[in-house]
Amino acid sequence: MLLTSSAFAASSPEQVVQDFYQALAQGDCTTALQIRPSYKYERCRSISAAQLTNASTLQMTDNKAVVRASGQLTLKGQNTPFEGLIALDHNTNFWQITAFEDAQKINPNDFIAQHMPPISDPHVTVINTTAMGADSVDLNNPSPTLERLMQAFPTPNDLVLLVDISEQKMALFQRQQLIREYRISAATKGAGNQAGSDQTPLGVHRIAEKFGDGAPLGTIFKARRNTGTKADIITQPIDVPTDHVTTRILWLDGLEPGKNKGGNVDSKNRFIYIHGTPEEGLIGRPASHGCIRMYNAEVIELYNLLPTGTLVYIGL
């Protein structure tokens, strides 16, 4: 089936880049040229295979984005690896690729400066690769962490959710003022960012998507879809065989390329959520397979407090 503009109208910039290379791999030059109008039809026809291994957004606004991508093309029988910086514009109702540069030949900051609004623009959401240090967080003294976060990752709102895996707690702040505290359950296997590790990822994230508007407490979700059934809430410290996701879902997206964004460390691709759990008796101790579990009533409260885009910092 050929892709059309409606197929990628609501997609993220990363997904549009993936759609472009999927179209190349399928020999669908009509779609490839629709996504990247400046691309040459003759070049598209000369590519016999294409594989994208990684695509991660470095910076974006409502109508512009820069994505870093890597993969491999087969051109005239030769396998050619690539790593590129890709600029996209949101035209009318879908993203289009407007520029591509070899990542080995241009500084990413220079490329971003060429294709993005100035960082001082209040509408810019910056994906900054500045290191946050040793992934430490102290909820009793959060100011240093909050200051580093707001400097490295400026956001339109002043809300920040700090997660302390070592204490199995998290706290919501606004302008460094404590708003709420919660007990949680992070991963049984501890902290780690690798896909398949069943560990809770560290570092800076944002809330990418939310699911569960109006669902009754205890509603079971599968693949983020409301099943229409409710779980029995277990208040005793019992680990049951099922691992239901209940009530609300806040889907996290990593903001640090190479650490929790892209490749085999991508938190969003790992389906790392903040969500409710039927195993409420285990809250306060490690119990999950990588996600952050909450009491069902409290995840409803948090869901209502946090818009998408809110920063979430996970540390030890």
Protein backbone atom coordinates (compact mmCIF):
# COMPACT_ATOMS: atom_id res chain seq x y z
CA MET A 1 0.00 0.00 0.00
CA LEU A 2 1.36 3.39 -0.94
CA LEU A 3 1.72 6.10 1.67
CA THR A 4 -0.16 9.35 1.14
CA SER A 5 0.03 12.74 2.79
CA SER A 6 -2.85 11.76 5.06
CA ALA A 7 -0.79 8.79 6.28
CA PHE A 8 1.88 11.06 7.75
CA ALA A 9 -0.20 14.18 8.42
CA ALA A 10 -0.18 13.82 12.21
CA SER A 11 3.22 12.14 12.48
CA SER A 12 6.21 13.33 14.45
CA PRO A 13 9.25 14.57 12.51
CA GLU A 14 11.07 11.31 13.32
CA GLN A 15 8.18 9.29 11.90
CA VAL A 16 8.12 11.35 8.69
CA VAL A 17 11.84 10.65 8.21
CA GLN A 18 11.09 6.97 8.76
CA ASP A 19 8.25 7.19 6.20
CA PHE A 20 10.66 8.73 3.69
CA TYR A 21 13.18 5.89 3.97
CA GLN A 22 10.41 3.31 3.99
CA ALA A 23 9.18 4.79 0.71
CA LEU A 24 12.72 4.55 -0.72
CA ALA A 25 12.97 0.93 0.44
CA GLN A 26 9.67 0.12 -1.31
CA GLY A 27 10.57 1.98 -4.50
CA ASP A 28 7.65 4.34 -3.87
CA CYS A 29 9.15 7.49 -5.40
CA THR A 30 5.80 9.29 -5.48
CA THR A 31 5.61 9.27 -1.70
CA ALA A 32 9.35 9.95 -1.29
CA LEU A 33 9.05 13.09 -3.44
CA GLN A 34 5.93 14.17 -1.60
CA ILE A 35 7.79 14.01 1.73
CA ARG A 36 11.01 15.51 0.28
CA PRO A 37 10.03 17.65 -2.76
CA SER A 38 13.62 18.64 -3.60
CA TYR A 39 14.71 15.01 -3.98
CA LYS A 40 15.58 13.89 -7.50
CA TYR A 41 13.34 11.27 -9.07
CA GLU A 42 16.33 9.74 -10.87
CA ARG A 43 18.19 9.29 -7.57
CA CYS A 44 15.14 7.74 -5.97
CA ARG A 45 14.88 5.21 -8.80
CA SER A 46 18.60 4.35 -8.50
CA ILE A 47 18.24 3.19 -4.86
CA SER A 48 17.50 -0.52 -4.61
CA ALA A 49 17.33 -0.74 -0.79
CA ALA A 50 17.15 1.61 2.18
CA GLN A 51 17.30 0.99 5.90
CA LEU A 52 16.93 3.58 8.65
CA THR A 53 18.45 2.52 11.97
CA ASN A 54 17.96 5.67 14.01
CA ALA A 55 16.07 8.96 13.89
CA SER A 56 15.92 11.42 16.78
CA THR A 57 14.73 15.02 17.02
CA LEU A 58 17.42 17.49 18.08
CA GLN A 59 15.20 20.56 18.15
CA MET A 60 11.68 21.48 17.09
CA THR A 61 8.97 24.13 17.12
CA ASP A 62 5.36 23.94 15.99
CA ASN A 63 6.41 24.25 12.33
CA LYS A 64 10.14 23.46 12.12
CA ALA A 65 12.32 20.57 13.22
CA VAL A 66 15.84 19.18 12.89
CA VAL A 67 16.27 15.40 13.05
CA ARG A 68 19.48 13.39 13.19
CA ALA A 69 19.21 10.08 11.33
CA SER A 70 21.46 7.21 10.36
CA GLY A 71 21.08 4.16 8.16
CA GLN A 72 22.21 2.55 4.95
CA LEU A 73 21.38 2.92 1.25
CA THR A 74 22.12 0.45 -1.55
CA LEU A 75 23.03 2.45 -4.63
CA LYS A 76 24.19 0.73 -7.83
CA GLY A 77 24.84 -2.42 -5.86
CA GLN A 78 26.99 -0.65 -3.27
CA ASN A 79 25.99 -0.42 0.39
CA THR A 80 26.49 3.14 1.58
CA PRO A 81 26.10 4.01 5.27
CA PHE A 82 24.98 7.53 6.11
CA GLU A 83 24.47 9.80 9.08
CA GLY A 84 22.59 12.96 8.28
CA LEU A 85 21.06 16.10 9.72
CA ILE A 86 17.58 16.66 8.31
CA ALA A 87 15.51 19.85 8.41
CA LEU A 88 11.72 19.65 8.18
CA ASP A 89 8.96 22.23 7.82
CA HIS A 90 5.33 21.70 8.78
CA ASN A 91 3.45 22.79 5.66
CA THR A 92 -0.33 23.12 5.95
CA ASN A 93 -1.09 19.76 7.57
CA PHE A 94 2.04 17.60 7.31
CA TRP A 95 5.82 17.64 7.69
CA GLN A 96 8.12 17.85 4.67
CA ILE A 97 11.88 17.41 4.47
CA THR A 98 13.50 20.64 3.27
CA ALA A 99 17.24 20.04 3.72
CA PHE A 100 19.76 17.25 4.34
CA GLU A 101 23.45 17.51 5.27
CA ASP A 102 26.08 14.88 6.03
CA ALA A 103 26.46 14.92 9.82
CA GLN A 104 30.20 14.35 9.44
CA LYS A 105 30.63 17.51 7.38
CA ILE A 106 28.68 20.10 9.37
CA ASN A 107 28.40 20.99 13.04
CA PRO A 108 24.88 20.18 14.29
CA ASN A 109 24.63 23.57 15.99
CA ASP A 110 25.47 25.31 12.70
CA PHE A 111 22.84 23.26 10.87
CA ILE A 112 20.26 24.04 13.55
CA ALA A 113 21.13 27.76 13.33
CA GLN A 114 20.52 27.66 9.57
CA HIS A 115 17.14 25.97 9.74
CA MET A 116 15.56 26.84 13.10
CA PRO A 117 14.32 30.08 14.71
CA PRO A 118 16.63 31.71 17.27
CA ILE A 119 16.61 29.97 20.66
CA SER A 120 15.38 33.21 22.21
CA ASP A 121 12.09 32.71 20.36
CA PRO A 122 9.59 31.78 23.14
CA HIS A 123 7.89 29.26 20.84
CA VAL A 124 11.02 27.13 20.45
CA THR A 125 11.18 23.84 22.32
CA VAL A 126 14.90 23.10 22.65
CA ILE A 127 16.20 19.55 22.76
CA ASN A 128 19.56 20.29 24.38
CA THR A 129 22.24 17.60 24.69
CA THR A 130 23.90 19.28 27.68
CA ALA A 131 24.83 16.61 30.23
CA MET A 132 22.89 16.72 33.47
CA GLY A 133 25.72 15.19 35.45
CA ALA A 134 25.56 11.87 37.26
CA ASP A 135 21.77 11.43 37.04
CA SER A 136 21.44 12.25 40.71
CA VAL A 137 18.39 13.79 42.30
CA ASP A 138 17.74 14.75 45.91
CA LEU A 139 14.10 15.52 46.65
CA ASN A 140 15.15 17.07 49.95
CA ASN A 141 17.36 19.55 48.09
CA PRO A 142 15.97 19.78 44.56
CA SER A 143 17.15 23.31 43.69
CA PRO A 144 20.48 22.35 42.01
CA THR A 145 18.79 19.80 39.77
CA LEU A 146 15.90 22.14 38.91
CA GLU A 147 18.28 24.97 38.08
CA ARG A 148 20.37 22.78 35.75
CA LEU A 149 17.23 21.45 34.08
CA MET A 150 15.67 24.81 33.40
CA GLN A 151 18.95 26.15 32.05
CA ALA A 152 19.65 23.21 29.76
CA PHE A 153 16.05 22.44 28.76
CA PRO A 154 13.96 25.65 28.77
CA THR A 155 10.24 24.91 28.43
CA PRO A 156 7.06 26.91 27.82
CA ASN A 157 5.71 25.98 31.28
CA ASP A 158 7.54 25.91 34.62
CA LEU A 159 6.46 22.43 35.66
CA VAL A 160 9.10 19.78 36.33
CA LEU A 161 8.54 16.25 37.62
CA LEU A 162 11.56 14.82 39.50
CA VAL A 163 11.73 11.04 39.95
CA ASP A 164 14.06 9.52 42.56
CA ILE A 165 14.44 5.80 41.85
CA SER A 166 16.56 5.16 44.93
CA GLU A 167 13.75 6.43 47.18
CA GLN A 168 10.87 5.21 44.98
CA LYS A 169 9.39 8.70 45.11
CA MET A 170 8.70 11.58 42.78
CA ALA A 171 7.74 15.21 43.23
CA LEU A 172 6.15 17.88 41.07
CA PHE A 173 7.58 21.40 41.14
CA GLN A 174 6.54 24.68 39.60
CA ARG A 175 9.09 27.51 39.66
CA GLN A 176 10.99 25.45 42.26
CA GLN A 177 7.93 25.34 44.53
CA LEU A 178 6.82 21.88 45.61
CA ILE A 179 3.31 21.11 44.33
CA ARG A 180 2.82 17.38 44.99
CA GLU A 181 4.77 14.35 46.23
CA TYR A 182 4.05 10.74 45.27
CA ARG A 183 5.26 7.26 46.15
CA ILE A 184 5.97 5.13 43.10
CA SER A 185 7.29 1.78 41.93
CA ALA A 186 10.13 1.80 39.40
CA ALA A 187 11.79 -1.26 37.85
CA THR A 188 12.60 -4.39 39.82
CA LYS A 189 15.87 -4.59 37.85
CA GLY A 190 16.92 -1.05 38.72
CA ALA A 191 17.99 1.79 36.43
CA GLY A 192 19.16 1.41 32.85
CA ASN A 193 18.44 2.74 29.38
CA GLN A 194 19.00 -0.25 27.10
CA ALA A 195 16.07 -1.75 25.21
CA GLY A 196 15.12 -5.15 26.61
CA SER A 197 16.68 -4.47 29.99
CA ASP A 198 13.35 -4.09 31.87
CA GLN A 199 15.04 -1.21 33.70
CA THR A 200 13.82 2.33 34.32
CA PRO A 201 15.67 4.82 32.09
CA LEU A 202 17.63 7.70 33.56
CA GLY A 203 17.93 11.29 32.39
CA VAL A 204 15.75 14.04 30.98
CA HIS A 205 12.41 13.18 29.40
CA ARG A 206 9.23 14.94 28.42
CA ILE A 207 5.61 13.81 28.45
CA ALA A 208 5.04 13.08 24.78
CA GLU A 209 1.47 11.76 24.82
CA LYS A 210 -1.35 11.14 27.30
CA PHE A 211 -4.04 8.44 27.25
CA GLY A 212 -7.07 7.77 29.40
CA ASP A 213 -9.27 10.88 29.41
CA GLY A 214 -12.35 10.12 31.47
CA ALA A 215 -11.62 6.41 31.95
CA PRO A 216 -12.91 5.00 35.25
CA LEU A 217 -10.34 4.21 37.93
CA GLY A 218 -8.83 0.78 37.33
CA THR A 219 -9.55 0.68 33.59
CA ILE A 220 -7.16 -1.71 31.82
CA PHE A 221 -5.24 -0.41 28.80
CA LYS A 222 -3.52 -2.57 26.20
CA ALA A 223 -1.29 -0.90 23.62
CA ARG A 224 -2.68 2.37 25.02
CA ARG A 225 -6.23 1.39 24.08
CA ASN A 226 -9.06 1.33 26.60
CA THR A 227 -10.19 -2.31 26.84
CA GLY A 228 -13.43 -1.42 28.57
CA THR A 229 -12.58 -3.75 31.46
CA LYS A 230 -11.44 -2.93 34.98
CA ALA A 231 -8.74 -4.56 37.09
CA ASP A 232 -9.13 -5.70 40.67
CA ILE A 233 -7.01 -3.35 42.77
CA ILE A 234 -4.76 -5.34 45.12
CA THR A 235 -3.79 -3.46 48.26
CA GLN A 236 -1.71 -6.29 49.76
CA PRO A 237 2.01 -6.54 48.77
CA ILE A 238 1.35 -9.27 46.22
CA ASP A 239 2.99 -9.62 42.80
CA VAL A 240 0.41 -11.12 40.45
CA PRO A 241 1.24 -12.74 37.07
CA THR A 242 -0.53 -10.08 35.03
CA ASP A 243 1.14 -6.71 34.49
CA HIS A 244 -1.82 -4.51 33.65
CA VAL A 245 -1.48 -0.83 32.80
CA THR A 246 -4.43 0.93 34.37
CA THR A 247 -6.37 4.21 34.64
CA ARG A 248 -4.05 6.71 32.90
CA ILE A 249 -0.88 6.69 30.76
CA LEU A 250 1.75 9.42 30.44
CA TRP A 251 4.13 8.28 27.67
CA LEU A 252 7.71 9.49 28.14
CA ASP A 253 10.09 10.57 25.38
CA GLY A 254 13.81 10.90 26.07
CA LEU A 255 15.49 14.23 25.32
CA GLU A 256 19.16 13.17 25.41
CA PRO A 257 20.30 11.60 22.10
CA GLY A 258 22.45 8.54 22.62
CA LYS A 259 21.35 8.23 26.23
CA ASN A 260 17.55 7.90 26.23
CA LYS A 261 16.77 9.04 22.68
CA GLY A 262 17.40 7.06 19.51
CA GLY A 263 18.81 3.63 18.73
CA ASN A 264 18.50 0.93 21.39
CA VAL A 265 18.19 3.42 24.26
CA ASP A 266 15.05 5.22 23.07
CA SER A 267 12.63 5.54 26.01
CA LYS A 268 9.61 6.21 23.80
CA ASN A 269 10.31 3.19 21.63
CA ARG A 270 10.70 1.18 24.85
CA PHE A 271 7.15 2.28 25.81
CA ILE A 272 8.20 3.80 29.11
CA TYR A 273 5.08 5.17 30.83
CA ILE A 274 3.95 6.69 34.07
CA HIS A 275 0.77 4.72 34.72
CA GLY A 276 -1.59 3.25 37.25
CA THR A 277 -1.25 -0.33 38.48
CA PRO A 278 -3.53 -2.94 40.08
CA GLU A 279 -0.63 -3.88 42.39
CA GLU A 280 -1.03 -0.91 44.69
CA GLY A 281 0.29 -2.94 47.62
CA LEU A 282 3.74 -2.86 45.98
CA ILE A 283 3.90 0.92 45.58
CA GLY A 284 6.98 2.25 47.38
CA ARG A 285 9.22 -0.63 46.34
CA PRO A 286 10.72 -1.69 42.96
CA ALA A 287 8.10 -3.71 41.12
CA SER A 288 7.78 -2.67 37.47
CA HIS A 289 9.35 -3.82 34.21
CA GLY A 290 10.76 -0.36 33.44
CA CYS A 291 7.78 1.96 33.77
CA ILE A 292 6.89 4.16 36.72
CA ARG A 293 3.81 2.87 38.54
CA MET A 294 1.49 4.99 40.67
CA TYR A 295 -1.62 4.62 42.79
CA ASN A 296 -4.59 4.85 40.46
CA ALA A 297 -6.24 7.83 42.16
CA GLU A 298 -2.92 9.70 42.18
CA VAL A 299 -2.15 9.06 38.51
CA ILE A 300 -5.50 10.65 37.66
CA GLU A 301 -4.50 13.72 39.68
CA LEU A 302 -1.08 13.90 38.03
CA TYR A 303 -2.57 13.37 34.57
CA ASN A 304 -4.85 16.36 35.09
CA LEU A 305 -2.00 18.55 36.35
CA LEU A 306 0.56 17.91 33.60
CA PRO A 307 0.28 19.01 29.96
CA THR A 308 2.24 17.25 27.23
CA GLY A 309 5.74 18.65 26.98
CA THR A 310 6.28 18.72 30.75
CA LEU A 311 9.86 17.85 31.74
CA VAL A 312 10.41 14.62 33.68
CA TYR A 313 13.86 13.99 35.14
CA ILE A 314 14.66 10.48 36.37
CA GLY A 315 17.65 10.08 38.66
CA LEU A 316 19.06 8.08 41.56
